[in-house]
């Protein structure tokens, strides 16, 4: 079953909803401050060390924590109060910028301190990313979720257009300390907006997940979701190869183009302006190209810009080319992120988006370090050429791995009946073995097994850690599907997680059952062995 068709809403429709508009505006201000901070850090590092590998470490230090912590952060976003969690993160990030400001004001900034504080900022970004994306369905109507995701990307790139240029100007005119101070002020607006949001407290639930169990459930879902695997593979290769231009851009600005801090800010601002333009024309592009075509086009444009930067020595021509880079970047980012959002049910959205962010930032981190090392040996221009050729080649190959359309209805179906028990069962008791008995005609055997194979992915995504199908040696028409979950509570959560699309897959398997009634379902609970000396 697919979701009911809905009248397409305008791309800016979510801004008509006050809650989303206020939080969106606050994040634009907050992200602007973050880009002001980042341009100061990147440029300050070129003053502290001319080494390409060291300069690339600034980007790596910012993205490595996201690679390491995004999945635990996604778990926390699914089990904690997201509003309070986000406020705490903003306070942490403000503290990082205060430290950067004070060290710069006192002339004590060093390569080690800059990388360490950038790493701390990356920790804050790691904790914030999955949570901020996961709250989108809480802020807008369901029909506006995709538009809200696109607007979030647009907001980031509006900040990218303003922040680097502003940061470069402040850095050139007043120094690093005041530049970091601007970032500190931006967090006040974000904290105030989150404080104003009166998020409805979730109802008390005996089946609320705890960290370790939620962590395992999220990994099981990601491991069993083929559609998510496709998005992750496409994202990894795109961002790993495209990361070269981001890692080396400070050296392109200073070394290849002979610019200063202000010019570097202009280059980053051009990327942001290009992204805004890309967001404006994207609806028209979507009418002509599907998601795969958009990512392919973005890869080719990005590769072309990288080649141009490798050979051009004109500052303003380079700035114009970065307008195209910004448009290509938001096209790829929004398309891949939207594909991930569209295939995820709400119960695991934060955790699975965290897996996506882990892959994205892992690709950016590994790519930054690798391209920095290559540039140490081959030079910046040659490294950009190698990255461009690799990106275009991989885009041509991976284009055949089609992105999921995300049209399935993932709303919980709630069609599983409550399990029968002789007495109440403790939630932490387990593991639990579930047996489902089917009567299958020999003529339907192969088709039934194919349908059951499709059903197995649903069982694993929703909580099963083991699954199989067996037949009765004395009666081959009697077949048993079995799966195991780690506790009684986790099985009850399974009942809530089954979506309407999953229900359709189950019905496809059930139509082969010839028992006259619904298949018999049995639940078996593990029995704790008595200790020695006990009766």
Protein backbone atom coordinates (compact mmCIF):
# COMPACT_ATOMS: atom_id res chain seq x y z
CA UNK A 1 0.00 0.00 0.00
CA UNK A 2 1.26 3.49 -0.76
CA UNK A 3 0.42 6.62 1.11
CA UNK A 4 -2.68 8.43 -0.09
CA UNK A 5 -2.07 11.03 -2.72
CA UNK A 6 -2.00 14.52 -1.33
CA UNK A 7 -2.16 17.90 -2.95
CA UNK A 8 1.40 19.17 -3.33
CA UNK A 9 2.08 22.07 -1.01
CA UNK A 10 4.31 24.97 -1.95
CA UNK A 11 7.96 24.69 -1.03
CA UNK A 12 7.56 27.48 1.56
CA UNK A 13 4.28 26.19 3.04
CA UNK A 14 5.90 25.06 6.34
CA UNK A 15 6.83 28.67 7.10
CA UNK A 16 3.11 29.45 7.46
CA UNK A 17 3.20 27.33 10.62
CA UNK A 18 4.39 29.57 13.45
CA UNK A 19 6.32 26.98 15.43
CA UNK A 20 8.37 25.84 12.46
CA UNK A 21 8.94 29.41 11.27
CA UNK A 22 10.34 30.58 14.62
CA UNK A 23 12.62 27.59 15.10
CA UNK A 24 13.70 27.76 11.46
CA UNK A 25 14.60 31.44 11.80
CA UNK A 26 16.53 30.79 14.99
CA UNK A 27 18.52 28.00 13.36
CA UNK A 28 19.42 30.27 10.43
CA UNK A 29 20.89 32.71 12.96
CA UNK A 30 22.61 29.89 14.86
CA UNK A 31 24.06 28.34 11.71
CA UNK A 32 25.23 31.75 10.54
CA UNK A 33 27.18 32.05 13.79
CA UNK A 34 28.60 28.56 13.29
CA UNK A 35 29.87 29.46 9.81
CA UNK A 36 31.38 32.66 11.23
CA UNK A 37 33.23 30.48 13.75
CA UNK A 38 34.30 27.91 11.16
CA UNK A 39 35.76 30.44 8.74
CA UNK A 40 37.76 31.93 11.60
CA UNK A 41 39.07 28.51 12.64
CA UNK A 42 39.96 27.42 9.10
CA UNK A 43 41.76 30.65 8.31
CA UNK A 44 43.46 30.82 11.70
CA UNK A 45 44.87 27.36 11.08
CA UNK A 46 46.52 28.54 7.84
CA UNK A 47 48.28 31.18 9.99
CA UNK A 48 49.33 28.60 12.58
CA UNK A 49 50.54 26.01 10.03
CA UNK A 50 50.91 26.04 6.22
CA UNK A 51 50.75 22.22 5.99
CA UNK A 52 47.82 20.93 3.84
CA UNK A 53 47.45 17.91 6.10
CA UNK A 54 47.18 20.09 9.22
CA UNK A 55 44.72 22.49 7.54
CA UNK A 56 42.57 19.54 6.44
CA UNK A 57 42.54 18.32 10.05
CA UNK A 58 40.30 21.25 11.03
CA UNK A 59 37.49 19.86 8.87
CA UNK A 60 38.30 16.32 10.00
CA UNK A 61 38.18 17.39 13.67
CA UNK A 62 34.73 18.88 13.10
CA UNK A 63 33.29 15.86 11.33
CA UNK A 64 35.00 12.94 13.15
CA UNK A 65 32.84 13.28 16.30
CA UNK A 66 29.73 13.13 14.15
CA UNK A 67 31.03 9.92 12.63
CA UNK A 68 31.76 8.47 16.08
CA UNK A 69 28.74 9.73 18.03
CA UNK A 70 25.87 10.21 15.60
CA UNK A 71 24.31 6.80 16.30
CA UNK A 72 24.38 7.15 20.12
CA UNK A 73 23.04 10.69 19.59
CA UNK A 74 20.23 9.30 17.44
CA UNK A 75 19.34 6.86 20.21
CA UNK A 76 19.20 9.71 22.71
CA UNK A 77 17.00 11.73 20.35
CA UNK A 78 14.48 8.87 20.28
CA UNK A 79 14.35 8.30 24.06
CA UNK A 80 14.92 11.76 25.63
CA UNK A 81 12.91 14.97 25.60
CA UNK A 82 14.22 16.43 22.35
CA UNK A 83 13.62 20.06 23.33
CA UNK A 84 15.60 19.85 26.58
CA UNK A 85 18.30 17.83 24.85
CA UNK A 86 18.72 20.50 22.17
CA UNK A 87 18.93 23.30 24.77
CA UNK A 88 21.72 21.45 26.57
CA UNK A 89 23.62 21.01 23.30
CA UNK A 90 23.36 24.72 22.49
CA UNK A 91 24.84 25.57 25.90
CA UNK A 92 27.74 23.18 25.18
CA UNK A 93 28.42 24.78 21.80
CA UNK A 94 28.29 28.28 23.28
CA UNK A 95 30.90 27.18 25.82
CA UNK A 96 33.21 25.97 23.04
CA UNK A 97 32.99 29.32 21.24
CA UNK A 98 33.62 31.21 24.50
CA UNK A 99 36.84 29.21 24.96
CA UNK A 100 37.91 29.96 21.36
CA UNK A 101 37.19 33.65 21.93
CA UNK A 102 39.17 33.87 25.17
CA UNK A 103 42.20 31.96 23.85
CA UNK A 104 42.31 34.16 20.75
CA UNK A 105 41.93 37.35 22.80
CA UNK A 106 44.85 36.32 25.03
CA UNK A 107 47.05 35.19 22.13
CA UNK A 108 47.19 31.62 23.44
CA UNK A 109 45.61 29.83 20.47
CA UNK A 110 47.67 26.91 19.10
CA UNK A 111 47.27 24.11 16.59
CA UNK A 112 46.46 21.67 19.40
CA UNK A 113 43.91 23.91 21.14
CA UNK A 114 42.20 24.83 17.88
CA UNK A 115 41.84 21.21 16.82
CA UNK A 116 40.70 20.14 20.31
CA UNK A 117 38.00 22.82 20.52
CA UNK A 118 36.92 22.12 16.94
CA UNK A 119 36.56 18.50 18.00
CA UNK A 120 34.40 19.59 20.96
CA UNK A 121 32.24 21.62 18.59
CA UNK A 122 31.94 18.51 16.45
CA UNK A 123 30.65 16.61 19.50
CA UNK A 124 27.91 19.21 19.89
CA UNK A 125 27.06 18.95 16.19
CA UNK A 126 27.00 15.14 16.49
CA UNK A 127 24.49 15.30 19.32
CA UNK A 128 22.37 17.95 17.61
CA UNK A 129 22.15 16.66 14.04
CA UNK A 130 19.88 13.59 14.42
CA UNK A 131 17.73 15.33 17.03
CA UNK A 132 17.14 18.46 14.96
CA UNK A 133 16.17 16.39 11.93
CA UNK A 134 13.96 14.09 14.00
CA UNK A 135 11.81 16.96 15.34
CA UNK A 136 10.71 18.04 11.85
CA UNK A 137 7.56 15.84 11.84
CA UNK A 138 6.61 17.42 15.21
CA UNK A 139 6.73 20.95 13.79
CA UNK A 140 4.72 20.63 10.56
CA UNK A 141 1.82 18.74 9.06
CA UNK A 142 2.71 15.39 7.52
CA UNK A 143 2.15 16.65 3.98
CA UNK A 144 4.76 19.37 4.57
CA UNK A 145 7.57 17.20 5.95
CA UNK A 146 9.55 16.98 2.69
CA UNK A 147 9.22 20.72 2.14
CA UNK A 148 10.36 21.31 5.73
CA UNK A 149 13.43 19.12 5.16
CA UNK A 150 14.24 21.12 2.03
CA UNK A 151 13.74 24.40 3.93
CA UNK A 152 16.13 23.23 6.64
CA UNK A 153 18.76 22.65 3.95
CA UNK A 154 17.93 26.03 2.45
CA UNK A 155 18.31 27.65 5.88
CA UNK A 156 21.75 26.10 6.30
CA UNK A 157 22.79 27.50 2.96
CA UNK A 158 21.36 30.93 3.66
CA UNK A 159 23.61 30.85 6.71
CA UNK A 160 26.44 29.57 4.50
CA UNK A 161 25.93 32.55 2.20
CA UNK A 162 25.97 35.09 5.04
CA UNK A 163 28.18 33.52 7.71
CA UNK A 164 31.50 32.98 5.89
CA UNK A 165 31.45 36.39 4.22
CA UNK A 166 30.53 38.05 7.52
CA UNK A 167 33.15 35.99 9.33
CA UNK A 168 35.83 36.88 6.79
CA UNK A 169 35.05 40.59 7.07
CA UNK A 170 35.02 40.57 10.88
CA UNK A 171 38.18 38.45 10.97
CA UNK A 172 40.01 40.83 8.64
CA UNK A 173 38.77 43.96 10.44
CA UNK A 174 38.70 42.99 14.13
CA UNK A 175 40.51 39.68 14.60
CA UNK A 176 39.55 36.18 15.66
CA UNK A 177 38.33 36.97 19.19
CA UNK A 178 35.48 39.21 18.05
CA UNK A 179 34.65 36.76 15.27
CA UNK A 180 34.15 33.98 17.80
CA UNK A 181 32.14 36.40 19.96
CA UNK A 182 29.58 36.79 17.19
CA UNK A 183 29.05 33.03 17.25
CA UNK A 184 28.51 33.12 21.02
CA UNK A 185 25.72 35.69 20.61
CA UNK A 186 23.99 33.57 17.95
CA UNK A 187 23.37 30.77 20.45
CA UNK A 188 21.25 33.11 22.57
CA UNK A 189 18.64 33.25 19.79
CA UNK A 190 18.52 29.47 19.37
CA UNK A 191 18.21 28.81 23.10
CA UNK A 192 15.47 31.43 23.39
CA UNK A 193 13.46 29.84 20.55
CA UNK A 194 13.78 26.36 22.05
CA UNK A 195 12.81 27.73 25.47
CA UNK A 196 9.70 29.33 23.91
CA UNK A 197 8.65 26.01 22.31
CA UNK A 198 6.20 24.31 24.63
CA UNK A 199 6.67 20.75 23.42
CA UNK A 200 3.98 18.36 24.58
CA UNK A 201 5.46 15.97 27.08
CA UNK A 202 5.16 12.35 25.97
CA UNK A 203 2.78 10.19 27.96
CA UNK A 204 4.19 7.77 30.51
CA UNK A 205 4.81 4.46 28.78
CA UNK A 206 5.84 1.21 30.43
CA UNK A 207 7.39 0.19 27.09
CA UNK A 208 9.67 3.23 26.81
CA UNK A 209 13.04 2.14 25.48
CA UNK A 210 16.30 2.36 27.38
CA UNK A 211 19.57 3.36 25.82
CA UNK A 212 21.23 -0.01 25.15
CA UNK A 213 18.05 -1.68 23.95
CA UNK A 214 17.19 1.29 21.73
CA UNK A 215 20.75 1.26 20.38
CA UNK A 216 20.50 -2.41 19.41
CA UNK A 217 17.04 -1.91 17.89
CA UNK A 218 18.31 0.96 15.77
CA UNK A 219 21.26 -1.06 14.48
CA UNK A 220 18.98 -4.02 13.71
CA UNK A 221 16.70 -1.77 11.69
CA UNK A 222 19.58 -0.24 9.75
CA UNK A 223 21.11 -3.66 9.10
CA UNK A 224 17.83 -5.07 7.74
CA UNK A 225 16.73 -2.09 5.61
CA UNK A 226 17.88 -2.60 2.02
CA UNK A 227 16.45 0.77 1.00
CA UNK A 228 18.55 2.54 3.62
CA UNK A 229 21.62 0.65 2.42
CA UNK A 230 21.14 2.09 -1.06
CA UNK A 231 20.98 5.65 0.27
CA UNK A 232 24.05 5.08 2.44
CA UNK A 233 26.16 3.69 -0.39
CA UNK A 234 25.24 6.53 -2.73
CA UNK A 235 25.92 9.14 -0.02
CA UNK A 236 29.27 7.66 1.00
CA UNK A 237 30.83 7.71 -2.43
CA UNK A 238 29.52 11.15 -3.33
CA UNK A 239 30.69 12.87 -0.15
CA UNK A 240 34.01 11.02 0.17
CA UNK A 241 35.08 12.18 -3.28
CA UNK A 242 33.51 15.65 -3.11
CA UNK A 243 35.14 16.33 0.29
CA UNK A 244 38.42 17.24 -1.40
CA UNK A 245 37.16 20.65 -2.43
CA UNK A 246 35.98 21.46 1.10
CA UNK A 247 39.13 20.23 2.80
CA UNK A 248 41.44 22.15 0.48
CA UNK A 249 39.39 25.30 -0.14
CA UNK A 250 41.40 27.46 2.35
CA UNK A 251 44.57 26.50 0.47
CA UNK A 252 42.90 27.15 -2.88
CA UNK A 253 41.96 30.63 -1.68
CA UNK A 254 45.39 31.43 -0.24
CA UNK A 255 47.80 29.38 -2.36
CA UNK A 256 46.28 29.00 -5.81
CA UNK A 257 44.30 32.24 -5.93
CA UNK A 258 46.42 34.48 -3.69
CA UNK A 259 43.51 35.73 -1.58
CA UNK A 260 43.19 36.72 2.06
CA UNK A 261 40.71 35.97 4.84
CA UNK A 262 38.08 38.25 3.35
CA UNK A 263 38.34 36.53 -0.02
CA UNK A 264 38.04 33.11 1.61
CA UNK A 265 34.81 34.31 3.25
CA UNK A 266 33.57 35.51 -0.14
CA UNK A 267 34.24 32.08 -1.64
CA UNK A 268 32.25 30.36 1.10
CA UNK A 269 29.53 32.98 0.76
CA UNK A 270 29.36 32.22 -2.96
CA UNK A 271 28.75 28.56 -2.11
CA UNK A 272 25.85 29.60 0.13
CA UNK A 273 24.37 31.94 -2.50
CA UNK A 274 24.64 29.18 -5.08
CA UNK A 275 22.85 26.83 -2.70
CA UNK A 276 20.01 29.32 -2.30
CA UNK A 277 19.74 29.57 -6.07
CA UNK A 278 19.83 25.79 -6.30
CA UNK A 279 16.98 25.50 -3.80
CA UNK A 280 14.91 27.96 -5.86
CA UNK A 281 15.35 26.07 -9.14
CA UNK A 282 15.16 22.59 -7.60
CA UNK A 283 11.35 22.27 -7.93
CA UNK A 284 11.72 22.82 -11.68
CA UNK A 285 14.58 20.31 -11.83
CA UNK A 286 12.47 17.74 -9.96
CA UNK A 287 9.82 17.98 -12.67
CA UNK A 288 12.43 16.97 -15.23
CA UNK A 289 14.72 14.64 -13.26
CA UNK A 290 14.14 11.94 -10.68
CA UNK A 291 16.26 11.62 -7.53
CA UNK A 292 18.93 9.58 -9.32
CA UNK A 293 19.19 12.14 -12.10
CA UNK A 294 19.54 14.98 -9.58
CA UNK A 295 22.40 13.29 -7.70
CA UNK A 296 24.14 12.41 -10.98
CA UNK A 297 23.86 16.00 -12.21
CA UNK A 298 25.15 17.31 -8.87
CA UNK A 299 28.19 15.01 -9.09
CA UNK A 300 29.05 16.15 -12.62
CA UNK A 301 28.73 19.84 -11.74
CA UNK A 302 30.83 19.39 -8.58
CA UNK A 303 33.54 17.57 -10.57
CA UNK A 304 33.56 20.33 -13.19
CA UNK A 305 34.01 23.01 -10.51
CA UNK A 306 36.88 21.07 -8.94
CA UNK A 307 38.63 20.88 -12.31
CA UNK A 308 38.09 24.58 -12.87
CA UNK A 309 39.55 25.50 -9.48
CA UNK A 310 42.59 23.35 -10.20
CA UNK A 311 43.50 25.35 -13.32
CA UNK A 312 41.95 28.81 -12.92
CA UNK A 313 43.92 31.62 -11.32
CA UNK A 314 41.15 34.22 -11.51
CA UNK A 315 39.68 35.07 -8.12
CA UNK A 316 36.32 36.24 -9.42
CA UNK A 317 35.96 33.38 -11.89
CA UNK A 318 36.59 31.01 -9.00
CA UNK A 319 33.91 32.78 -6.94
CA UNK A 320 31.43 32.40 -9.80
CA UNK A 321 32.26 28.69 -10.13
CA UNK A 322 31.52 28.22 -6.43
CA UNK A 323 27.98 29.44 -7.06
CA UNK A 324 27.58 26.30 -9.16
CA UNK A 325 29.23 24.21 -6.43
CA UNK A 326 26.69 25.49 -3.91
CA UNK A 327 23.76 24.67 -6.20
CA UNK A 328 25.13 21.17 -6.82
CA UNK A 329 25.85 20.61 -3.14
CA UNK A 330 22.33 21.47 -1.92
CA UNK A 331 20.86 19.37 -4.73
CA UNK A 332 22.80 16.28 -3.63
CA UNK A 333 22.39 16.95 0.08
CA UNK A 334 18.64 17.57 -0.06
CA UNK A 335 17.97 14.68 -2.43
CA UNK A 336 19.89 12.10 -0.40
CA UNK A 337 18.57 13.38 2.92
CA UNK A 338 15.02 13.44 1.58
CA UNK A 339 15.40 9.86 0.33
CA UNK A 340 16.50 8.78 3.81
CA UNK A 341 13.66 10.67 5.55
CA UNK A 342 11.04 9.20 3.22
CA UNK A 343 11.84 5.55 4.02
CA UNK A 344 12.02 5.84 7.83
CA UNK A 345 9.17 5.22 10.30
CA UNK A 346 8.91 7.64 13.20
CA UNK A 347 9.85 5.15 15.93
CA UNK A 348 13.40 4.77 14.57
CA UNK A 349 13.79 8.03 12.64
CA UNK A 350 16.41 9.60 14.92
CA UNK A 351 18.55 6.47 15.06
CA UNK A 352 18.44 5.77 11.33
CA UNK A 353 19.10 9.39 10.42
CA UNK A 354 22.07 9.09 12.76
CA UNK A 355 23.33 6.15 10.71
CA UNK A 356 22.98 8.33 7.61
CA UNK A 357 24.85 11.18 9.33
CA UNK A 358 27.53 8.73 10.46
CA UNK A 359 28.13 7.64 6.88
CA UNK A 360 27.99 11.23 5.61
CA UNK A 361 30.46 12.54 8.17
CA UNK A 362 32.61 9.42 8.02
CA UNK A 363 32.94 10.00 4.29
CA UNK A 364 33.76 13.68 4.85
CA UNK A 365 36.28 12.88 7.60
CA UNK A 366 38.05 10.07 5.76
CA UNK A 367 37.97 12.05 2.54
CA UNK A 368 39.40 15.18 4.18
CA UNK A 369 42.28 13.28 5.77
CA UNK A 370 42.99 11.29 2.61
CA UNK A 371 42.86 14.27 0.26
CA UNK A 372 45.00 16.32 2.67
CA UNK A 373 47.62 13.57 2.63
CA UNK A 374 47.49 13.36 -1.17
CA UNK A 375 47.87 17.14 -1.46
CA UNK A 376 50.96 16.96 0.77
CA UNK A 377 52.63 14.83 -1.91
CA UNK A 378 50.97 15.81 -5.20
CA UNK A 379 49.95 19.40 -4.55
CA UNK A 380 46.54 21.02 -4.22
CA UNK A 381 45.78 21.38 -7.94
CA UNK A 382 46.62 17.76 -8.80
CA UNK A 383 44.55 16.54 -5.85
CA UNK A 384 41.50 18.46 -7.06
CA UNK A 385 41.92 16.92 -10.53
CA UNK A 386 42.12 13.41 -9.05
CA UNK A 387 39.03 14.02 -6.91
CA UNK A 388 37.05 15.36 -9.87
CA UNK A 389 37.88 12.40 -12.08
CA UNK A 390 37.03 9.95 -9.30
CA UNK A 391 33.72 11.69 -8.52
CA UNK A 392 32.58 11.69 -12.15
CA UNK A 393 33.57 8.03 -12.65
CA UNK A 394 31.87 6.80 -9.47
CA UNK A 395 28.75 8.85 -10.23
CA UNK A 396 28.41 7.13 -13.60
CA UNK A 397 28.69 3.69 -11.99
CA UNK A 398 26.55 4.29 -8.89
CA UNK A 399 23.80 5.91 -10.98
CA UNK A 400 22.63 2.37 -11.74
CA UNK A 401 21.92 1.77 -8.04
CA UNK A 402 18.52 3.46 -7.91
CA UNK A 403 17.46 5.47 -4.88
CA UNK A 404 14.22 4.36 -3.17
CA UNK A 405 11.14 6.42 -3.99
CA UNK A 406 9.85 6.39 -0.40
CA UNK A 407 6.17 6.01 -1.29
CA UNK A 408 5.27 3.32 1.27
CA UNK A 409 2.80 4.15 4.05
CA UNK A 410 4.85 3.87 7.25
CA UNK A 411 2.05 4.79 9.67
CA UNK A 412 1.63 2.00 12.30
CA UNK A 413 -1.11 -0.41 11.31
CA UNK A 414 -1.82 -1.69 14.86
CA UNK A 415 -3.37 -4.80 13.33
CA UNK A 416 -1.57 -7.43 15.42
CA UNK A 417 -3.83 -8.79 18.19
CA UNK A 418 -2.59 -8.72 21.77
CA UNK A 419 -0.64 -11.94 22.53
CA UNK A 420 -2.44 -14.47 24.69
CA UNK A 421 -0.81 -15.19 28.04
CA UNK A 422 -1.81 -17.35 31.00
CA UNK A 423 -0.50 -14.72 33.42
CA UNK A 424 1.12 -11.28 33.18
CA UNK A 425 4.66 -11.43 31.77
CA UNK A 426 7.50 -9.28 33.07
CA UNK A 427 8.66 -6.84 30.43
CA UNK A 428 12.33 -7.77 30.83
CA UNK A 429 11.74 -11.50 30.47
CA UNK A 430 13.29 -13.05 27.41
CA UNK A 431 14.33 -13.98 24.88
CA UNK A 432 10.98 -14.68 23.25
CA UNK A 433 10.41 -17.17 20.45
CA UNK A 434 7.37 -16.55 18.21
CA UNK A 435 6.04 -19.41 16.08
CA UNK A 436 3.47 -18.96 13.29
CA UNK A 437 1.91 -22.10 11.78
CA UNK A 438 0.93 -22.07 8.10
CA UNK A 439 -0.84 -24.71 5.99
CA UNK A 440 0.54 -24.43 2.46
CA UNK A 441 -0.45 -26.39 -0.64
CA UNK A 442 2.57 -27.97 -2.40
CA UNK A 443 1.74 -25.98 -5.55
CA UNK A 444 2.06 -22.71 -3.63
CA UNK A 445 5.21 -23.64 -1.77
CA UNK A 446 7.73 -21.64 -3.84
CA UNK A 447 5.59 -18.52 -4.09
CA UNK A 448 4.91 -18.66 -0.33
CA UNK A 449 8.62 -18.93 0.51
CA UNK A 450 9.35 -15.92 -1.72
CA UNK A 451 6.67 -13.90 0.07
CA UNK A 452 8.01 -15.02 3.44
CA UNK A 453 11.53 -13.96 2.44
CA UNK A 454 10.22 -10.43 1.87
CA UNK A 455 8.46 -10.62 5.23
CA UNK A 456 11.69 -11.60 6.98
CA UNK A 457 13.18 -8.14 6.38
CA UNK A 458 10.16 -6.57 8.09
CA UNK A 459 10.52 -8.88 11.12
CA UNK A 460 14.19 -7.96 11.48
CA UNK A 461 13.63 -4.22 10.99
CA UNK A 462 10.99 -4.17 13.71
CA UNK A 463 13.02 -6.00 16.35
CA UNK A 464 13.78 -9.66 15.56
CA UNK A 465 17.41 -10.73 15.91
CA UNK A 466 16.81 -14.20 14.42
CA UNK A 467 14.36 -15.47 11.79
CA UNK A 468 13.72 -18.69 9.89
CA UNK A 469 11.19 -21.04 8.34
CA UNK A 470 10.89 -24.80 8.87
CA UNK A 471 8.62 -27.63 7.74
CA UNK A 472 7.15 -30.64 9.52
CA UNK A 473 9.07 -33.79 8.52
CA UNK A 474 5.85 -35.85 8.77
CA UNK A 475 3.62 -33.29 7.02
CA UNK A 476 5.37 -30.93 4.53
CA UNK A 477 2.20 -28.84 4.19
CA UNK A 478 2.73 -27.64 7.78
CA UNK A 479 5.32 -24.88 7.80
CA UNK A 480 6.52 -22.79 10.73
CA UNK A 481 7.83 -19.25 10.53
CA UNK A 482 9.83 -18.39 13.64
CA UNK A 483 11.58 -15.31 14.89
CA UNK A 484 13.21 -14.28 18.15
CA UNK A 485 13.25 -11.00 20.04
CA UNK A 486 15.34 -10.15 23.06
CA UNK A 487 12.53 -9.49 25.57
CA UNK A 488 8.77 -9.48 26.08
CA UNK A 489 8.77 -5.67 26.05
CA UNK A 490 10.59 -5.64 22.72
CA UNK A 491 7.97 -7.96 21.24
CA UNK A 492 5.18 -5.68 22.47
CA UNK A 493 7.02 -2.79 20.81
CA UNK A 494 7.05 -4.87 17.63
CA UNK A 495 3.26 -4.82 17.73
CA UNK A 496 3.37 -1.01 17.64
CA UNK A 497 6.03 -0.76 14.94
CA UNK A 498 4.42 -2.75 12.14
CA UNK A 499 3.45 -0.27 9.43
CA UNK A 500 0.60 -0.36 6.95
CA UNK A 501 3.10 -1.15 4.20
CA UNK A 502 4.42 -4.07 6.30
CA UNK A 503 0.84 -5.24 6.82
CA UNK A 504 0.45 -5.52 3.05
CA UNK A 505 3.56 -7.70 2.86
CA UNK A 506 2.15 -9.94 5.60
CA UNK A 507 -1.17 -10.26 3.78
CA UNK A 508 0.70 -11.36 0.68
CA UNK A 509 2.15 -14.28 2.64
CA UNK A 510 -1.12 -15.04 4.45
CA UNK A 511 -3.08 -15.50 1.23
CA UNK A 512 -1.26 -18.82 0.72
CA UNK A 513 -2.46 -20.17 4.08
CA UNK A 514 -5.07 -22.92 3.65
CA UNK A 515 -5.96 -23.64 7.26
CA UNK A 516 -9.44 -22.11 7.11
CA UNK A 517 -8.61 -19.58 9.86
CA UNK A 518 -5.74 -17.26 10.56
CA UNK A 519 -2.44 -19.06 11.26
CA UNK A 520 -1.88 -20.13 14.85
CA UNK A 521 0.61 -17.88 16.65
CA UNK A 522 2.47 -19.14 19.72
CA UNK A 523 4.82 -17.28 22.08
CA UNK A 524 7.53 -19.16 23.98
CA UNK A 525 9.40 -17.56 26.86
CA UNK A 526 12.86 -18.54 28.04
CA UNK A 527 12.93 -20.33 31.41
CA UNK A 528 15.69 -19.37 33.80
CA UNK A 529 17.57 -22.45 34.91
CA UNK A 530 17.51 -22.99 38.70
CA UNK A 531 20.79 -22.39 40.48
CA UNK A 532 22.68 -25.32 42.05
CA UNK A 533 21.03 -26.35 45.30
CA UNK A 534 17.64 -24.91 44.37
CA UNK A 535 14.62 -27.13 43.92
